[in-house]
């Protein structure tokens, strides 16, 4: 299975062959599929029907999380504009962040305060 990992603060030399090998030992209790389901539940509860989620991206930082992109998707036009992303903890399944709609978008996905 191929996934994307985001790394920050790594200086890579220019004009050089670089071999990058990442080995992380952690148990993911929440799969990409479950993270996507959790994001979909939040969309139904807070955003309405004109939005959809995309495939989660594994993010390794202070916590191991799934970034679940959220797209504005009006029915006649289909997926149109990325409006944000949910952040789902890969260990607990807790939704850590909720996306905000862009100005002019129909839904406000900030959820309850």
Protein backbone atom coordinates (compact mmCIF):
# COMPACT_ATOMS: atom_id res chain seq x y z
CA UNK A 1 0.00 0.00 0.00
CA UNK A 2 1.40 3.39 -0.99
CA UNK A 3 0.56 6.44 1.13
CA UNK A 4 1.80 9.98 1.39
CA UNK A 5 3.76 11.18 4.43
CA UNK A 6 4.34 14.87 5.07
CA UNK A 7 7.68 15.74 6.68
CA UNK A 8 8.67 19.22 7.81
CA UNK A 9 12.04 20.62 8.77
CA UNK A 10 14.05 18.23 6.59
CA UNK A 11 16.78 19.85 4.51
CA UNK A 12 17.51 17.90 1.34
CA UNK A 13 20.63 18.71 -0.70
CA UNK A 14 20.14 19.99 -4.24
CA UNK A 15 21.75 18.25 -7.24
CA UNK A 16 22.36 15.07 -5.26
CA UNK A 17 20.89 11.59 -5.31
CA UNK A 18 18.77 11.22 -2.23
CA UNK A 19 17.49 7.97 -0.78
CA UNK A 20 14.74 8.44 1.78
CA UNK A 21 13.65 5.57 3.97
CA UNK A 22 11.13 6.12 6.71
CA UNK A 23 10.53 3.54 9.39
CA UNK A 24 7.91 4.29 11.98
CA UNK A 25 6.65 1.75 14.44
CA UNK A 26 3.16 2.56 15.59
CA UNK A 27 -0.12 0.76 15.55
CA UNK A 28 -2.83 2.53 13.58
CA UNK A 29 -6.07 1.75 15.36
CA UNK A 30 -8.02 3.79 12.80
CA UNK A 31 -7.73 2.89 9.12
CA UNK A 32 -8.04 5.35 6.24
CA UNK A 33 -11.48 3.87 5.54
CA UNK A 34 -12.70 4.52 9.11
CA UNK A 35 -11.22 8.05 9.10
CA UNK A 36 -13.16 8.77 5.90
CA UNK A 37 -16.35 7.42 7.51
CA UNK A 38 -15.87 9.65 10.57
CA UNK A 39 -15.38 12.69 8.32
CA UNK A 40 -18.53 11.78 6.39
CA UNK A 41 -20.52 11.65 9.65
CA UNK A 42 -19.30 15.16 10.53
CA UNK A 43 -20.31 16.38 7.07
CA UNK A 44 -23.82 15.00 7.49
CA UNK A 45 -24.17 16.52 10.97
CA UNK A 46 -22.72 19.97 10.27
CA UNK A 47 -22.43 20.69 6.56
CA UNK A 48 -25.37 19.40 4.56
CA UNK A 49 -25.27 17.65 1.22
CA UNK A 50 -23.20 19.88 -1.06
CA UNK A 51 -19.82 18.64 0.21
CA UNK A 52 -17.85 15.41 -0.04
CA UNK A 53 -14.60 13.95 1.30
CA UNK A 54 -11.61 12.61 -0.61
CA UNK A 55 -9.14 9.83 0.24
CA UNK A 56 -7.34 10.40 3.57
CA UNK A 57 -3.63 11.23 3.71
CA UNK A 58 -1.52 9.85 6.56
CA UNK A 59 0.20 12.73 8.36
CA UNK A 60 3.08 12.04 10.73
CA UNK A 61 3.92 14.82 13.13
CA UNK A 62 3.46 15.37 16.85
CA UNK A 63 0.54 12.94 16.45
CA UNK A 64 -0.16 10.38 13.74
CA UNK A 65 -3.30 11.64 12.03
CA UNK A 66 -5.37 11.24 8.90
CA UNK A 67 -5.98 14.40 6.87
CA UNK A 68 -9.33 13.98 5.13
CA UNK A 69 -9.82 16.61 2.37
CA UNK A 70 -13.29 18.16 2.07
CA UNK A 71 -14.61 19.42 -1.27
CA UNK A 72 -17.52 21.63 -2.21
CA UNK A 73 -19.62 19.49 -4.53
CA UNK A 74 -22.90 21.05 -5.71
CA UNK A 75 -25.11 18.33 -7.27
CA UNK A 76 -25.28 19.73 -10.81
CA UNK A 77 -21.52 20.42 -11.00
CA UNK A 78 -19.88 17.68 -8.95
CA UNK A 79 -16.63 18.11 -6.99
CA UNK A 80 -15.48 21.68 -7.46
CA UNK A 81 -13.34 23.35 -4.76
CA UNK A 82 -11.37 22.07 -1.77
CA UNK A 83 -12.76 23.90 1.26
CA UNK A 84 -10.72 22.33 4.05
CA UNK A 85 -9.89 19.05 5.73
CA UNK A 86 -10.81 17.05 8.77
CA UNK A 87 -7.99 15.89 11.02
CA UNK A 88 -8.66 12.44 12.50
CA UNK A 89 -6.37 10.98 15.17
CA UNK A 90 -5.08 7.64 13.82
CA UNK A 91 -4.87 6.16 17.32
CA UNK A 92 -8.17 7.23 18.90
CA UNK A 93 -10.41 8.13 15.96
CA UNK A 94 -11.16 11.53 17.49
CA UNK A 95 -11.95 14.23 14.91
CA UNK A 96 -9.49 16.98 15.87
CA UNK A 97 -10.36 19.60 13.30
CA UNK A 98 -13.36 20.58 11.23
CA UNK A 99 -13.07 22.43 7.93
CA UNK A 100 -14.39 25.92 7.31
CA UNK A 101 -16.20 26.81 4.13
CA UNK A 102 -14.71 29.34 1.74
CA UNK A 103 -16.45 32.73 1.50
CA UNK A 104 -19.50 32.41 -0.70
CA UNK A 105 -19.83 28.66 -0.20
CA UNK A 106 -23.23 27.33 0.84
CA UNK A 107 -22.13 25.32 3.90
CA UNK A 108 -20.38 26.39 7.08
CA UNK A 109 -18.61 23.24 8.23
CA UNK A 110 -17.23 24.71 11.44
CA UNK A 111 -19.76 22.70 13.46
CA UNK A 112 -21.04 23.79 16.86
CA UNK A 113 -18.89 26.15 18.90
